[in-house]
Amino acid sequence: MIIARWQIDARFGHKPQVMDSIKKWHHEIGNQIGWSMDKVRIMTGSVGARESTIAMEIELDSMTELDNAWNKLSKMDAHKQWSKELEPNIVSGSHRWEVYRLI
């Protein structure tokens, strides 16, 4: 079992738009690649983390499952369009993935 964490930083004053956009992405796109809400947590920085950070954690069975989801995303026009619409609201280059293995 793994936890894949994607995070991004919102530009100052744009955090509500980024959070709304990520929720919309999950509803419209994430569910299509098998990331149901029972596997996903969306959170934001509070104490000891940047307040501008928004993170999404996905619980998956394996790296293969994550790779399959990424392959599906790369072919989805809706995901590409969402990325373009999100870009003005985020800090360029702040997005990153981290993968953790559960023990």
PDB file of N, CA and C in Angstrom:
ATOM      1  N   MET A   1       0.853  -1.170   0.000  1.00  0.00           N
ATOM      2  CA  MET A   1       0.000   0.000   0.000  1.00  0.00           C
ATOM      3  C   MET A   1       0.901   1.236   0.000  1.00  0.00           C
ATOM      4  N   ILE A   2       0.504   2.233  -0.774  1.00  0.00           N
ATOM      5  CA  ILE A   2       1.253   3.489  -0.829  1.00  0.00           C
ATOM      6  C   ILE A   2       0.317   4.678  -0.642  1.00  0.00           C
ATOM      7  N   ILE A   3       0.909   5.785  -0.256  1.00  0.00           N
ATOM      8  CA  ILE A   3       0.219   7.069  -0.226  1.00  0.00           C
ATOM      9  C   ILE A   3       0.967   7.964  -1.210  1.00  0.00           C
ATOM     10  N   ALA A   4       0.284   8.445  -2.225  1.00  0.00           N
ATOM     11  CA  ALA A   4       0.861   9.394  -3.174  1.00  0.00           C
ATOM     12  C   ALA A   4       0.341  10.773  -2.797  1.00  0.00           C
ATOM     13  N   ARG A   5       1.265  11.692  -2.544  1.00  0.00           N
ATOM     14  CA  ARG A   5       0.879  13.044  -2.137  1.00  0.00           C
ATOM     15  C   ARG A   5       1.305  14.033  -3.221  1.00  0.00           C
ATOM     16  N   TRP A   6       0.321  14.762  -3.741  1.00  0.00           N
ATOM     17  CA  TRP A   6       0.579  15.835  -4.701  1.00  0.00           C
ATOM     18  C   TRP A   6       0.318  17.140  -3.973  1.00  0.00           C
ATOM     19  N   GLN A   7       1.243  18.074  -4.104  1.00  0.00           N
ATOM     20  CA  GLN A   7       1.008  19.370  -3.464  1.00  0.00           C
ATOM     21  C   GLN A   7       1.413  20.509  -4.374  1.00  0.00           C
ATOM     22  N   ILE A   8       0.802  21.643  -4.087  1.00  0.00           N
ATOM     23  CA  ILE A   8       1.015  22.840  -4.896  1.00  0.00           C
ATOM     24  C   ILE A   8       0.821  24.050  -4.001  1.00  0.00           C
ATOM     25  N   ASP A   9       1.449  25.155  -4.333  1.00  0.00           N
ATOM     26  CA  ASP A   9       1.291  26.384  -3.557  1.00  0.00           C
ATOM     27  C   ASP A   9       0.458  27.392  -4.335  1.00  0.00           C
ATOM     28  N   ALA A  10      -0.522  27.959  -3.647  1.00  0.00           N
ATOM     29  CA  ALA A  10      -1.373  28.988  -4.249  1.00  0.00           C
ATOM     30  C   ALA A  10      -0.662  30.332  -4.191  1.00  0.00           C
ATOM     31  N   ARG A  11      -0.883  31.147  -5.205  1.00  0.00           N
ATOM     32  CA  ARG A  11      -0.395  32.527  -5.160  1.00  0.00           C
ATOM     33  C   ARG A  11      -1.149  33.262  -4.059  1.00  0.00           C
ATOM     34  N   PHE A  12      -0.518  34.310  -3.526  1.00  0.00           N
ATOM     35  CA  PHE A  12      -1.132  35.075  -2.451  1.00  0.00           C
ATOM     36  C   PHE A  12      -2.524  35.562  -2.882  1.00  0.00           C
ATOM     37  N   GLY A  13      -3.514  35.279  -2.055  1.00  0.00           N
ATOM     38  CA  GLY A  13      -4.880  35.705  -2.326  1.00  0.00           C
ATOM     39  C   GLY A  13      -5.659  34.777  -3.248  1.00  0.00           C
ATOM     40  N   HIS A  14      -5.042  33.701  -3.736  1.00  0.00           N
ATOM     41  CA  HIS A  14      -5.696  32.808  -4.693  1.00  0.00           C
ATOM     42  C   HIS A  14      -6.023  31.432  -4.108  1.00  0.00           C
ATOM     43  N   LYS A  15      -5.785  31.246  -2.821  1.00  0.00           N
ATOM     44  CA  LYS A  15      -5.994  29.941  -2.203  1.00  0.00           C
ATOM     45  C   LYS A  15      -7.432  29.418  -2.359  1.00  0.00           C
ATOM     46  N   PRO A  16      -8.459  30.227  -2.146  1.00  0.00           N
ATOM     47  CA  PRO A  16      -9.824  29.710  -2.316  1.00  0.00           C
ATOM     48  C   PRO A  16     -10.088  29.188  -3.742  1.00  0.00           C
ATOM     49  N   GLN A  17      -9.569  29.901  -4.755  1.00  0.00           N
ATOM     50  CA  GLN A  17      -9.764  29.460  -6.127  1.00  0.00           C
ATOM     51  C   GLN A  17      -9.059  28.125  -6.392  1.00  0.00           C
ATOM     52  N   VAL A  18      -7.849  27.972  -5.836  1.00  0.00           N
ATOM     53  CA  VAL A  18      -7.102  26.729  -6.036  1.00  0.00           C
ATOM     54  C   VAL A  18      -7.821  25.571  -5.349  1.00  0.00           C
ATOM     55  N   MET A  19      -8.283  25.772  -4.128  1.00  0.00           N
ATOM     56  CA  MET A  19      -8.993  24.709  -3.414  1.00  0.00           C
ATOM     57  C   MET A  19     -10.271  24.313  -4.155  1.00  0.00           C
ATOM     58  N   ASP A  20     -11.021  25.297  -4.635  1.00  0.00           N
ATOM     59  CA  ASP A  20     -12.234  24.992  -5.400  1.00  0.00           C
ATOM     60  C   ASP A  20     -11.901  24.231  -6.675  1.00  0.00           C
ATOM     61  N   SER A  21     -10.816  24.629  -7.337  1.00  0.00           N
ATOM     62  CA  SER A  21     -10.413  23.981  -8.576  1.00  0.00           C
ATOM     63  C   SER A  21     -10.014  22.524  -8.342  1.00  0.00           C
ATOM     64  N   ILE A  22      -9.298  22.264  -7.257  1.00  0.00           N
ATOM     65  CA  ILE A  22      -8.882  20.890  -6.952  1.00  0.00           C
ATOM     66  C   ILE A  22     -10.095  20.026  -6.617  1.00  0.00           C
ATOM     67  N   LYS A  23     -11.036  20.566  -5.860  1.00  0.00           N
ATOM     68  CA  LYS A  23     -12.262  19.819  -5.560  1.00  0.00           C
ATOM     69  C   LYS A  23     -13.028  19.504  -6.845  1.00  0.00           C
ATOM     70  N   LYS A  24     -13.115  20.484  -7.735  1.00  0.00           N
ATOM     71  CA  LYS A  24     -13.794  20.274  -9.016  1.00  0.00           C
ATOM     72  C   LYS A  24     -13.054  19.226  -9.840  1.00  0.00           C
ATOM     73  N   TRP A  25     -11.708  19.299  -9.858  1.00  0.00           N
ATOM     74  CA  TRP A  25     -10.912  18.309 -10.587  1.00  0.00           C
ATOM     75  C   TRP A  25     -11.217  16.912 -10.073  1.00  0.00           C
ATOM     76  N   HIS A  26     -11.232  16.763  -8.751  1.00  0.00           N
ATOM     77  CA  HIS A  26     -11.486  15.435  -8.196  1.00  0.00           C
ATOM     78  C   HIS A  26     -12.853  14.911  -8.612  1.00  0.00           C
ATOM     79  N   HIS A  27     -13.857  15.750  -8.545  1.00  0.00           N
ATOM     80  CA  HIS A  27     -15.220  15.339  -8.898  1.00  0.00           C
ATOM     81  C   HIS A  27     -15.329  14.979 -10.380  1.00  0.00           C
ATOM     82  N   GLU A  28     -14.731  15.790 -11.252  1.00  0.00           N
ATOM     83  CA  GLU A  28     -14.903  15.611 -12.689  1.00  0.00           C
ATOM     84  C   GLU A  28     -13.854  14.708 -13.337  1.00  0.00           C
ATOM     85  N   ILE A  29     -12.639  14.662 -12.793  1.00  0.00           N
ATOM     86  CA  ILE A  29     -11.551  13.930 -13.433  1.00  0.00           C
ATOM     87  C   ILE A  29     -11.024  12.811 -12.545  1.00  0.00           C
ATOM     88  N   GLY A  30     -10.762  13.112 -11.296  1.00  0.00           N
ATOM     89  CA  GLY A  30     -10.198  12.113 -10.387  1.00  0.00           C
ATOM     90  C   GLY A  30     -11.034  10.854 -10.289  1.00  0.00           C
ATOM     91  N   ASN A  31     -12.337  11.010 -10.230  1.00  0.00           N
ATOM     92  CA  ASN A  31     -13.220   9.838 -10.162  1.00  0.00           C
ATOM     93  C   ASN A  31     -13.110   8.976 -11.415  1.00  0.00           C
ATOM     94  N   GLN A  32     -12.828   9.586 -12.560  1.00  0.00           N
ATOM     95  CA  GLN A  32     -12.707   8.833 -13.815  1.00  0.00           C
ATOM     96  C   GLN A  32     -11.480   7.928 -13.843  1.00  0.00           C
ATOM     97  N   ILE A  33     -10.461   8.260 -13.043  1.00  0.00           N
ATOM     98  CA  ILE A  33      -9.257   7.433 -13.029  1.00  0.00           C
ATOM     99  C   ILE A  33      -9.222   6.510 -11.807  1.00  0.00           C
ATOM    100  N   GLY A  34     -10.343   6.420 -11.105  1.00  0.00           N
ATOM    101  CA  GLY A  34     -10.455   5.487  -9.992  1.00  0.00           C
ATOM    102  C   GLY A  34     -10.101   6.047  -8.627  1.00  0.00           C
ATOM    103  N   TRP A  35      -9.944   7.358  -8.536  1.00  0.00           N
ATOM    104  CA  TRP A  35      -9.597   7.972  -7.258  1.00  0.00           C
ATOM    105  C   TRP A  35     -10.867   8.438  -6.561  1.00  0.00           C
ATOM    106  N   SER A  36     -11.623   7.495  -6.035  1.00  0.00           N
ATOM    107  CA  SER A  36     -12.864   7.811  -5.337  1.00  0.00           C
ATOM    108  C   SER A  36     -12.557   8.532  -4.031  1.00  0.00           C
ATOM    109  N   MET A  37     -13.542   9.225  -3.510  1.00  0.00           N
ATOM    110  CA  MET A  37     -13.342  10.077  -2.335  1.00  0.00           C
ATOM    111  C   MET A  37     -12.881   9.275  -1.114  1.00  0.00           C
ATOM    112  N   ASP A  38     -13.216   7.990  -1.043  1.00  0.00           N
ATOM    113  CA  ASP A  38     -12.758   7.196   0.103  1.00  0.00           C
ATOM    114  C   ASP A  38     -11.257   6.909   0.045  1.00  0.00           C
ATOM    115  N   LYS A  39     -10.613   7.185  -1.102  1.00  0.00           N
ATOM    116  CA  LYS A  39      -9.164   6.991  -1.249  1.00  0.00           C
ATOM    117  C   LYS A  39      -8.389   8.313  -1.203  1.00  0.00           C
ATOM    118  N   VAL A  40      -9.107   9.438  -1.136  1.00  0.00           N
ATOM    119  CA  VAL A  40      -8.466  10.743  -1.311  1.00  0.00           C
ATOM    120  C   VAL A  40      -8.721  11.646  -0.100  1.00  0.00           C
ATOM    121  N   ARG A  41      -7.683  12.407   0.264  1.00  0.00           N
ATOM    122  CA  ARG A  41      -7.809  13.471   1.266  1.00  0.00           C
ATOM    123  C   ARG A  41      -7.247  14.738   0.648  1.00  0.00           C
ATOM    124  N   ILE A  42      -7.971  15.834   0.807  1.00  0.00           N
ATOM    125  CA  ILE A  42      -7.493  17.144   0.358  1.00  0.00           C
ATOM    126  C   ILE A  42      -7.285  17.984   1.609  1.00  0.00           C
ATOM    127  N   MET A  43      -6.105  18.599   1.719  1.00  0.00           N
ATOM    128  CA  MET A  43      -5.787  19.356   2.927  1.00  0.00           C
ATOM    129  C   MET A  43      -4.997  20.604   2.571  1.00  0.00           C
ATOM    130  N   THR A  44      -4.866  21.477   3.552  1.00  0.00           N
ATOM    131  CA  THR A  44      -4.118  22.718   3.365  1.00  0.00           C
ATOM    132  C   THR A  44      -3.204  22.944   4.562  1.00  0.00           C
ATOM    133  N   GLY A  45      -2.135  23.697   4.328  1.00  0.00           N
ATOM    134  CA  GLY A  45      -1.164  23.974   5.382  1.00  0.00           C
ATOM    135  C   GLY A  45      -1.799  24.712   6.548  1.00  0.00           C
ATOM    136  N   SER A  46      -1.312  24.399   7.751  1.00  0.00           N
ATOM    137  CA  SER A  46      -1.839  25.049   8.939  1.00  0.00           C
ATOM    138  C   SER A  46      -0.697  25.412   9.890  1.00  0.00           C
ATOM    139  N   VAL A  47      -0.179  24.443  10.631  1.00  0.00           N
ATOM    140  CA  VAL A  47       0.909  24.692  11.573  1.00  0.00           C
ATOM    141  C   VAL A  47       2.141  23.928  11.095  1.00  0.00           C
ATOM    142  N   GLY A  48       3.258  24.620  10.951  1.00  0.00           N
ATOM    143  CA  GLY A  48       4.497  23.985  10.517  1.00  0.00           C
ATOM    144  C   GLY A  48       4.576  23.739   9.022  1.00  0.00           C
ATOM    145  N   ALA A  49       3.570  24.144   8.299  1.00  0.00           N
ATOM    146  CA  ALA A  49       3.533  24.027   6.847  1.00  0.00           C
ATOM    147  C   ALA A  49       3.107  25.376   6.285  1.00  0.00           C
ATOM    148  N   ARG A  50       3.515  25.645   5.049  1.00  0.00           N
ATOM    149  CA  ARG A  50       3.096  26.912   4.446  1.00  0.00           C
ATOM    150  C   ARG A  50       1.575  26.947   4.315  1.00  0.00           C
ATOM    151  N   GLU A  51       1.003  28.049   4.717  1.00  0.00           N
ATOM    152  CA  GLU A  51      -0.448  28.211   4.638  1.00  0.00           C
ATOM    153  C   GLU A  51      -0.933  28.176   3.195  1.00  0.00           C
ATOM    154  N   SER A  52      -0.067  28.531   2.262  1.00  0.00           N
ATOM    155  CA  SER A  52      -0.449  28.552   0.847  1.00  0.00           C
ATOM    156  C   SER A  52      -0.440  27.168   0.200  1.00  0.00           C
ATOM    157  N   THR A  53       0.054  26.160   0.912  1.00  0.00           N
ATOM    158  CA  THR A  53       0.143  24.810   0.347  1.00  0.00           C
ATOM    159  C   THR A  53      -1.193  24.095   0.410  1.00  0.00           C
ATOM    160  N   ILE A  54      -1.558  23.495  -0.711  1.00  0.00           N
ATOM    161  CA  ILE A  54      -2.728  22.624  -0.781  1.00  0.00           C
ATOM    162  C   ILE A  54      -2.205  21.269  -1.228  1.00  0.00           C
ATOM    163  N   ALA A  55      -2.601  20.213  -0.524  1.00  0.00           N
ATOM    164  CA  ALA A  55      -2.124  18.873  -0.833  1.00  0.00           C
ATOM    165  C   ALA A  55      -3.294  17.925  -1.012  1.00  0.00           C
ATOM    166  N   MET A  56      -3.059  16.922  -1.853  1.00  0.00           N
ATOM    167  CA  MET A  56      -4.023  15.854  -2.043  1.00  0.00           C
ATOM    168  C   MET A  56      -3.271  14.549  -1.845  1.00  0.00           C
ATOM    169  N   GLU A  57      -3.777  13.697  -0.957  1.00  0.00           N
ATOM    170  CA  GLU A  57      -3.191  12.387  -0.735  1.00  0.00           C
ATOM    171  C   GLU A  57      -4.132  11.322  -1.266  1.00  0.00           C
ATOM    172  N   ILE A  58      -3.546  10.357  -1.979  1.00  0.00           N
ATOM    173  CA  ILE A  58      -4.317   9.277  -2.564  1.00  0.00           C
ATOM    174  C   ILE A  58      -3.765   7.961  -2.039  1.00  0.00           C
ATOM    175  N   GLU A  59      -4.628   7.124  -1.506  1.00  0.00           N
ATOM    176  CA  GLU A  59      -4.229   5.797  -1.029  1.00  0.00           C
ATOM    177  C   GLU A  59      -4.381   4.808  -2.173  1.00  0.00           C
ATOM    178  N   LEU A  60      -3.286   4.130  -2.506  1.00  0.00           N
ATOM    179  CA  LEU A  60      -3.264   3.207  -3.641  1.00  0.00           C
ATOM    180  C   LEU A  60      -2.632   1.887  -3.227  1.00  0.00           C
ATOM    181  N   ASP A  61      -2.922   0.843  -3.989  1.00  0.00           N
ATOM    182  CA  ASP A  61      -2.364  -0.470  -3.679  1.00  0.00           C
ATOM    183  C   ASP A  61      -0.900  -0.598  -4.067  1.00  0.00           C
ATOM    184  N   SER A  62      -0.482   0.108  -5.144  1.00  0.00           N
ATOM    185  CA  SER A  62       0.880  -0.095  -5.643  1.00  0.00           C
ATOM    186  C   SER A  62       1.322   1.065  -6.531  1.00  0.00           C
ATOM    187  N   MET A  63       2.602   1.088  -6.842  1.00  0.00           N
ATOM    188  CA  MET A  63       3.135   2.065  -7.796  1.00  0.00           C
ATOM    189  C   MET A  63       2.539   1.831  -9.176  1.00  0.00           C
ATOM    190  N   THR A  64       2.236   0.593  -9.501  1.00  0.00           N
ATOM    191  CA  THR A  64       1.619   0.280 -10.792  1.00  0.00           C
ATOM    192  C   THR A  64       0.266   0.970 -10.920  1.00  0.00           C
ATOM    193  N   GLU A  65      -0.507   0.957  -9.851  1.00  0.00           N
ATOM    194  CA  GLU A  65      -1.808   1.633  -9.866  1.00  0.00           C
ATOM    195  C   GLU A  65      -1.636   3.133 -10.079  1.00  0.00           C
ATOM    196  N   LEU A  66      -0.632   3.731  -9.436  1.00  0.00           N
ATOM    197  CA  LEU A  66      -0.352   5.152  -9.621  1.00  0.00           C
ATOM    198  C   LEU A  66       0.094   5.426 -11.055  1.00  0.00           C
ATOM    199  N   ASP A  67       0.970   4.603 -11.573  1.00  0.00           N
ATOM    200  CA  ASP A  67       1.451   4.773 -12.946  1.00  0.00           C
ATOM    201  C   ASP A  67       0.304   4.664 -13.950  1.00  0.00           C
ATOM    202  N   ASN A  68      -0.601   3.732 -13.733  1.00  0.00           N
ATOM    203  CA  ASN A  68      -1.765   3.592 -14.622  1.00  0.00           C
ATOM    204  C   ASN A  68      -2.640   4.842 -14.588  1.00  0.00           C
ATOM    205  N   ALA A  69      -2.829   5.410 -13.398  1.00  0.00           N
ATOM    206  CA  ALA A  69      -3.628   6.638 -13.271  1.00  0.00           C
ATOM    207  C   ALA A  69      -2.940   7.789 -14.001  1.00  0.00           C
ATOM    208  N   TRP A  70      -1.617   7.926 -13.828  1.00  0.00           N
ATOM    209  CA  TRP A  70      -0.884   8.984 -14.521  1.00  0.00           C
ATOM    210  C   TRP A  70      -0.980   8.823 -16.033  1.00  0.00           C
ATOM    211  N   ASN A  71      -0.923   7.587 -16.522  1.00  0.00           N
ATOM    212  CA  ASN A  71      -1.050   7.350 -17.969  1.00  0.00           C
ATOM    213  C   ASN A  71      -2.423   7.777 -18.479  1.00  0.00           C
ATOM    214  N   LYS A  72      -3.469   7.483 -17.721  1.00  0.00           N
ATOM    215  CA  LYS A  72      -4.819   7.916 -18.103  1.00  0.00           C
ATOM    216  C   LYS A  72      -4.908   9.440 -18.127  1.00  0.00           C
ATOM    217  N   LEU A  73      -4.347  10.083 -17.093  1.00  0.00           N
ATOM    218  CA  LEU A  73      -4.387  11.543 -17.026  1.00  0.00           C
ATOM    219  C   LEU A  73      -3.702  12.187 -18.221  1.00  0.00           C
ATOM    220  N   SER A  74      -2.594  11.626 -18.655  1.00  0.00           N
ATOM    221  CA  SER A  74      -1.828  12.219 -19.752  1.00  0.00           C
ATOM    222  C   SER A  74      -2.596  12.231 -21.069  1.00  0.00           C
ATOM    223  N   LYS A  75      -3.645  11.425 -21.153  1.00  0.00           N
ATOM    224  CA  LYS A  75      -4.433  11.334 -22.387  1.00  0.00           C
ATOM    225  C   LYS A  75      -5.763  12.086 -22.308  1.00  0.00           C
ATOM    226  N   MET A  76      -6.045  12.698 -21.169  1.00  0.00           N
ATOM    227  CA  MET A  76      -7.342  13.343 -20.965  1.00  0.00           C
ATOM    228  C   MET A  76      -7.274  14.834 -21.288  1.00  0.00           C
ATOM    229  N   ASP A  77      -8.048  15.250 -22.286  1.00  0.00           N
ATOM    230  CA  ASP A  77      -8.102  16.669 -22.650  1.00  0.00           C
ATOM    231  C   ASP A  77      -8.638  17.523 -21.492  1.00  0.00           C
ATOM    232  N   ALA A  78      -9.579  16.981 -20.733  1.00  0.00           N
ATOM    233  CA  ALA A  78     -10.156  17.735 -19.609  1.00  0.00           C
ATOM    234  C   ALA A  78      -9.085  18.041 -18.558  1.00  0.00           C
ATOM    235  N   HIS A  79      -8.158  17.120 -18.347  1.00  0.00           N
ATOM    236  CA  HIS A  79      -7.073  17.347 -17.381  1.00  0.00           C
ATOM    237  C   HIS A  79      -6.120  18.426 -17.894  1.00  0.00           C
ATOM    238  N   LYS A  80      -5.815  18.376 -19.166  1.00  0.00           N
ATOM    239  CA  LYS A  80      -4.937  19.388 -19.766  1.00  0.00           C
ATOM    240  C   LYS A  80      -5.569  20.775 -19.665  1.00  0.00           C
ATOM    241  N   GLN A  81      -6.852  20.865 -19.940  1.00  0.00           N
ATOM    242  CA  GLN A  81      -7.558  22.146 -19.855  1.00  0.00           C
ATOM    243  C   GLN A  81      -7.609  22.648 -18.415  1.00  0.00           C
ATOM    244  N   TRP A  82      -7.861  21.744 -17.480  1.00  0.00           N
ATOM    245  CA  TRP A  82      -7.889  22.113 -16.065  1.00  0.00           C
ATOM    246  C   TRP A  82      -6.541  22.695 -15.645  1.00  0.00           C
ATOM    247  N   SER A  83      -5.461  22.069 -16.079  1.00  0.00           N
ATOM    248  CA  SER A  83      -4.115  22.549 -15.730  1.00  0.00           C
ATOM    249  C   SER A  83      -3.877  23.966 -16.223  1.00  0.00           C
ATOM    250  N   LYS A  84      -4.318  24.248 -17.430  1.00  0.00           N
ATOM    251  CA  LYS A  84      -4.157  25.593 -17.997  1.00  0.00           C
ATOM    252  C   LYS A  84      -4.968  26.621 -17.215  1.00  0.00           C
ATOM    253  N   GLU A  85      -6.166  26.248 -16.785  1.00  0.00           N
ATOM    254  CA  GLU A  85      -7.021  27.163 -16.032  1.00  0.00           C
ATOM    255  C   GLU A  85      -6.502  27.380 -14.608  1.00  0.00           C
ATOM    256  N   LEU A  86      -5.822  26.374 -14.044  1.00  0.00           N
ATOM    257  CA  LEU A  86      -5.286  26.488 -12.697  1.00  0.00           C
ATOM    258  C   LEU A  86      -4.044  27.373 -12.644  1.00  0.00           C
ATOM    259  N   GLU A  87      -3.247  27.361 -13.686  1.00  0.00           N
ATOM    260  CA  GLU A  87      -1.922  27.979 -13.709  1.00  0.00           C
ATOM    261  C   GLU A  87      -1.864  29.420 -13.201  1.00  0.00           C
ATOM    262  N   PRO A  88      -2.776  30.318 -13.558  1.00  0.00           N
ATOM    263  CA  PRO A  88      -2.661  31.704 -13.065  1.00  0.00           C
ATOM    264  C   PRO A  88      -2.814  31.841 -11.542  1.00  0.00           C
ATOM    265  N   ASN A  89      -3.333  30.820 -10.895  1.00  0.00           N
ATOM    266  CA  ASN A  89      -3.599  30.881  -9.460  1.00  0.00           C
ATOM    267  C   ASN A  89      -2.516  30.241  -8.588  1.00  0.00           C
ATOM    268  N   ILE A  90      -1.500  29.649  -9.211  1.00  0.00           N
ATOM    269  CA  ILE A  90      -0.495  28.917  -8.431  1.00  0.00           C
ATOM    270  C   ILE A  90       0.892  29.521  -8.591  1.00  0.00           C
ATOM    271  N   VAL A  91       1.772  29.160  -7.661  1.00  0.00           N
ATOM    272  CA  VAL A  91       3.174  29.553  -7.739  1.00  0.00           C
ATOM    273  C   VAL A  91       3.836  28.617  -8.743  1.00  0.00           C
ATOM    274  N   SER A  92       4.354  29.176  -9.810  1.00  0.00           N
ATOM    275  CA  SER A  92       4.969  28.379 -10.863  1.00  0.00           C
ATOM    276  C   SER A  92       6.096  27.523 -10.294  1.00  0.00           C
ATOM    277  N   GLY A  93       6.108  26.258 -10.657  1.00  0.00           N
ATOM    278  CA  GLY A  93       7.155  25.340 -10.218  1.00  0.00           C
ATOM    279  C   GLY A  93       6.989  24.793  -8.815  1.00  0.00           C
ATOM    280  N   SER A  94       5.879  25.082  -8.149  1.00  0.00           N
ATOM    281  CA  SER A  94       5.711  24.636  -6.762  1.00  0.00           C
ATOM    282  C   SER A  94       5.101  23.234  -6.656  1.00  0.00           C
ATOM    283  N   HIS A  95       4.578  22.700  -7.741  1.00  0.00           N
ATOM    284  CA  HIS A  95       3.924  21.390  -7.663  1.00  0.00           C
ATOM    285  C   HIS A  95       4.959  20.274  -7.526  1.00  0.00           C
ATOM    286  N   ARG A  96       4.568  19.251  -6.782  1.00  0.00           N
ATOM    287  CA  ARG A  96       5.451  18.094  -6.637  1.00  0.00           C
ATOM    288  C   ARG A  96       4.673  16.893  -6.136  1.00  0.00           C
ATOM    289  N   TRP A  97       5.216  15.739  -6.440  1.00  0.00           N
ATOM    290  CA  TRP A  97       4.678  14.469  -5.961  1.00  0.00           C
ATOM    291  C   TRP A  97       5.651  13.862  -4.955  1.00  0.00           C
ATOM    292  N   GLU A  98       5.113  13.233  -3.934  1.00  0.00           N
ATOM    293  CA  GLU A  98       5.866  12.420  -2.996  1.00  0.00           C
ATOM    294  C   GLU A  98       5.096  11.111  -2.828  1.00  0.00           C
ATOM    295  N   VAL A  99       5.822  10.013  -2.752  1.00  0.00           N
ATOM    296  CA  VAL A  99       5.175   8.700  -2.581  1.00  0.00           C
ATOM    297  C   VAL A  99       5.739   8.052  -1.325  1.00  0.00           C
ATOM    298  N   TYR A 100       4.832   7.586  -0.469  1.00  0.00           N
ATOM    299  CA  TYR A 100       5.203   6.946   0.771  1.00  0.00           C
ATOM    300  C   TYR A 100       4.671   5.519   0.773  1.00  0.00           C
ATOM    301  N   ARG A 101       5.445   4.615   1.320  1.00  0.00           N
ATOM    302  CA  ARG A 101       5.003   3.230   1.494  1.00  0.00           C
ATOM    303  C   ARG A 101       4.486   3.075   2.928  1.00  0.00           C
ATOM    304  N   LEU A 102       3.314   2.471   3.080  1.00  0.00           N
ATOM    305  CA  LEU A 102       2.768   2.208   4.413  1.00  0.00           C
ATOM    306  C   LEU A 102       3.414   0.956   4.987  1.00  0.00           C
ATOM    307  N   ILE A 103       3.741   1.028   6.260  1.00  0.00           N
ATOM    308  CA  ILE A 103       4.361  -0.130   6.907  1.00  0.00           C
ATOM    309  C   ILE A 103       3.511  -0.621   8.045  1.00  0.00           C
TER     310      ILE A 103
END
